[in-house]
Amino acid sequence: DARRAGLDSRPGVPQRPHIMQLLTFTVAGQAYAVESRKVVEVLPLVPARPIPHTPPYVRGIFSYRGGLVPLVDLGERLVGRPPEERLSTRVVVVEIPAPDGVGTARLGLVAENVIAIRAAEDAEAEPPPLDIPGAPFLGRVIRLREGTLQVIDPSRLLPADLAAGLFPSRERVPQP
């Protein structure tokens, strides 16, 4: 329907689909994207301090603008192997809702070929073709002239218990 496609259903209003701005990248040769409104900054690949007892896709934490930010390796998370480190391998810093529901938190994503912002109409988006319990972060598939890309929801990349540990509630943080 018009509302789902991002169209204004009021009479006399021109019907234009909502345009999404997407930051595109690749993982293991496949195209993915995050909505650019969630992106804070794109950085060169930065070293991370490993965090013991976390899954392999958590590279660690890194210092960013006076705070510590968890770093998720999208290659490890999606296909079980790290991305090739090349000049276009970047850290995409995104803002997600804080796991405790208060405010927002920042998360770093390591991805290959982070090189383009693309516009895509909501009307071109399809719901995910599969519902995979272990991959709730996989979102809509966008059809483009040269193929398809899949939108990733960064707020769903980490299981709830892991997110709660990586982003401790301000109430639980011991005060000196």
Protein backbone atom coordinates (compact mmCIF):
# COMPACT_ATOMS: atom_id res chain seq x y z
CA ASP A 1 0.00 0.00 0.00
CA ALA A 2 0.99 3.66 -0.32
CA ARG A 3 1.95 4.10 3.33
CA ARG A 4 4.20 1.02 3.30
CA ALA A 5 5.94 2.24 0.16
CA GLY A 6 6.66 5.59 1.82
CA LEU A 7 4.07 7.49 -0.19
CA ASP A 8 1.85 10.29 1.10
CA SER A 9 -1.75 9.10 0.85
CA ARG A 10 -3.42 12.53 1.22
CA PRO A 11 -5.50 13.56 -1.80
CA GLY A 12 -3.75 15.99 -4.14
CA VAL A 13 -0.28 15.30 -2.73
CA PRO A 14 2.19 14.07 -5.36
CA GLN A 15 3.10 10.44 -4.80
CA ARG A 16 6.86 10.26 -4.27
CA PRO A 17 8.51 7.34 -2.55
CA HIS A 18 10.72 7.93 0.48
CA ILE A 19 14.40 7.92 -0.49
CA MET A 20 16.78 6.09 1.86
CA GLN A 21 20.43 7.09 1.98
CA LEU A 22 22.60 4.02 2.42
CA LEU A 23 26.30 3.60 3.20
CA THR A 24 27.36 0.57 1.16
CA PHE A 25 30.16 -1.91 1.73
CA THR A 26 31.01 -5.53 1.03
CA VAL A 27 31.48 -8.60 3.16
CA ALA A 28 32.99 -11.66 1.46
CA GLY A 29 32.18 -10.15 -1.94
CA GLN A 30 28.49 -9.53 -1.16
CA ALA A 31 26.98 -6.03 -1.01
CA TYR A 32 25.48 -4.76 2.24
CA ALA A 33 24.49 -1.37 3.62
CA VAL A 34 23.49 0.53 6.74
CA GLU A 35 21.14 3.48 6.71
CA SER A 36 23.33 6.59 6.63
CA ARG A 37 21.23 8.29 9.34
CA LYS A 38 22.70 5.75 11.80
CA VAL A 39 26.31 6.47 10.76
CA VAL A 40 28.32 8.83 12.96
CA GLU A 41 31.67 8.63 11.18
CA VAL A 42 33.77 6.42 8.91
CA LEU A 43 37.35 5.85 10.12
CA PRO A 44 40.42 4.09 8.78
CA LEU A 45 40.86 0.63 10.27
CA VAL A 46 41.92 1.12 13.90
CA PRO A 47 43.58 -1.30 16.31
CA ALA A 48 41.31 -2.73 18.98
CA ARG A 49 42.06 -4.10 22.42
CA PRO A 50 40.72 -7.67 22.52
CA ILE A 51 38.09 -8.52 25.12
CA PRO A 52 38.53 -12.01 26.57
CA HIS A 53 35.55 -14.40 26.55
CA THR A 54 33.70 -12.64 23.73
CA PRO A 55 32.72 -14.24 20.40
CA PRO A 56 35.27 -14.03 17.54
CA TYR A 57 33.21 -11.36 15.77
CA VAL A 58 33.86 -8.92 18.64
CA ARG A 59 37.32 -7.59 17.71
CA GLY A 60 37.55 -5.69 20.97
CA ILE A 61 37.20 -2.06 22.01
CA PHE A 62 38.85 1.06 20.67
CA SER A 63 39.19 4.63 21.86
CA TYR A 64 36.89 7.05 20.07
CA ARG A 65 36.44 10.71 21.03
CA GLY A 66 37.20 10.14 24.71
CA GLY A 67 35.18 6.94 25.11
CA LEU A 68 35.57 3.23 24.49
CA VAL A 69 33.59 1.72 21.63
CA PRO A 70 33.05 -2.02 20.98
CA LEU A 71 34.21 -3.13 17.53
CA VAL A 72 32.29 -5.80 15.58
CA ASP A 73 33.93 -7.53 12.63
CA LEU A 74 31.17 -7.92 10.02
CA GLY A 75 33.17 -10.55 8.13
CA GLU A 76 33.35 -12.74 11.24
CA ARG A 77 29.71 -12.01 12.13
CA LEU A 78 28.28 -12.77 8.69
CA VAL A 79 30.55 -15.44 7.19
CA GLY A 80 32.88 -16.57 9.97
CA ARG A 81 36.09 -15.00 8.67
CA PRO A 82 37.65 -11.54 8.95
CA PRO A 83 37.58 -9.22 5.94
CA GLU A 84 40.61 -8.69 3.77
CA GLU A 85 42.45 -5.68 5.10
CA ARG A 86 42.84 -3.24 2.23
CA LEU A 87 42.84 0.53 1.89
CA SER A 88 39.04 0.51 1.62
CA THR A 89 38.57 -1.55 4.81
CA ARG A 90 37.07 0.86 7.32
CA VAL A 91 35.47 1.20 10.71
CA VAL A 92 31.94 2.54 10.45
CA VAL A 93 30.90 4.11 13.76
CA VAL A 94 27.13 3.84 14.17
CA GLU A 95 24.73 5.02 16.83
CA ILE A 96 22.31 2.45 18.24
CA PRO A 97 19.77 2.50 21.08
CA ALA A 98 21.53 1.71 24.37
CA PRO A 99 20.69 -1.81 25.61
CA ASP A 100 19.33 -0.41 28.90
CA GLY A 101 16.84 1.69 26.93
CA VAL A 102 18.35 4.98 28.11
CA GLY A 103 19.87 7.08 25.34
CA THR A 104 22.17 5.76 22.64
CA ALA A 105 25.48 3.93 22.37
CA ARG A 106 28.16 3.82 19.70
CA LEU A 107 29.31 0.67 17.96
CA GLY A 108 32.16 0.24 15.46
CA LEU A 109 31.70 -2.04 12.43
CA VAL A 110 34.65 -3.36 10.39
CA ALA A 111 33.73 -3.73 6.70
CA GLU A 112 35.44 -3.95 3.30
CA ASN A 113 35.06 -1.51 0.41
CA VAL A 114 33.29 1.18 2.43
CA ILE A 115 33.20 3.61 -0.43
CA ALA A 116 29.75 4.82 -1.38
CA ILE A 117 26.57 6.51 -0.24
CA ARG A 118 23.65 5.40 -2.38
CA ALA A 119 20.08 6.51 -2.59
CA ALA A 120 17.38 3.85 -2.75
CA GLU A 121 13.62 4.20 -2.81
CA ASP A 122 11.64 2.34 -0.18
CA ALA A 123 9.59 0.95 -3.07
CA GLU A 124 12.69 -0.95 -4.24
CA ALA A 125 13.03 -2.68 -0.86
CA GLU A 126 11.81 -6.18 -0.25
CA PRO A 127 11.45 -7.80 3.17
CA PRO A 128 14.24 -10.24 3.96
CA PRO A 129 13.80 -13.38 1.88
CA LEU A 130 14.53 -15.61 4.88
CA ASP A 131 13.83 -15.43 8.59
CA ILE A 132 17.03 -16.73 10.14
CA PRO A 133 16.90 -16.97 13.97
CA GLY A 134 20.68 -16.49 14.35
CA ALA A 135 20.71 -13.41 12.10
CA PRO A 136 18.00 -10.95 13.22
CA PHE A 137 20.23 -8.10 12.00
CA LEU A 138 19.66 -8.98 8.34
CA GLY A 139 17.12 -6.52 6.97
CA ARG A 140 15.55 -5.65 3.67
CA VAL A 141 17.02 -6.54 0.32
CA ILE A 142 17.35 -3.60 -2.07
CA ARG A 143 17.20 -4.20 -5.82
CA LEU A 144 19.67 -2.14 -7.83
CA ARG A 145 20.48 -2.13 -11.54
CA GLU A 146 23.71 -4.00 -10.90
CA GLY A 147 22.26 -6.52 -8.44
CA THR A 148 21.03 -6.53 -4.85
CA LEU A 149 22.29 -5.44 -1.47
CA GLN A 150 21.04 -6.26 1.98
CA VAL A 151 20.50 -3.69 4.72
CA ILE A 152 21.98 -4.53 8.12
CA ASP A 153 20.37 -3.28 11.32
CA PRO A 154 23.36 -2.51 13.59
CA SER A 155 21.15 -2.37 16.69
CA ARG A 156 20.49 -6.12 16.28
CA LEU A 157 24.08 -7.29 15.60
CA LEU A 158 24.77 -8.26 19.21
CA PRO A 159 22.72 -10.72 21.29
CA ALA A 160 21.02 -8.91 24.20
CA ASP A 161 23.22 -10.45 26.92
CA LEU A 162 26.42 -9.55 25.06
CA ALA A 163 25.20 -6.01 24.34
CA ALA A 164 24.35 -5.54 28.03
CA GLY A 165 27.92 -6.54 28.95
CA LEU A 166 29.58 -4.35 26.31
CA PHE A 167 27.37 -1.34 27.12
CA PRO A 168 26.90 -1.48 30.89
CA SER A 169 24.01 0.54 32.28
CA ARG A 170 25.13 3.82 33.81
CA GLU A 171 23.28 2.73 36.96
CA ARG A 172 25.39 -0.47 37.20
CA VAL A 173 28.77 1.20 36.63
CA PRO A 174 30.54 1.49 39.99
CA GLN A 175 31.38 5.06 40.91
CA PRO A 176 34.86 5.81 42.36
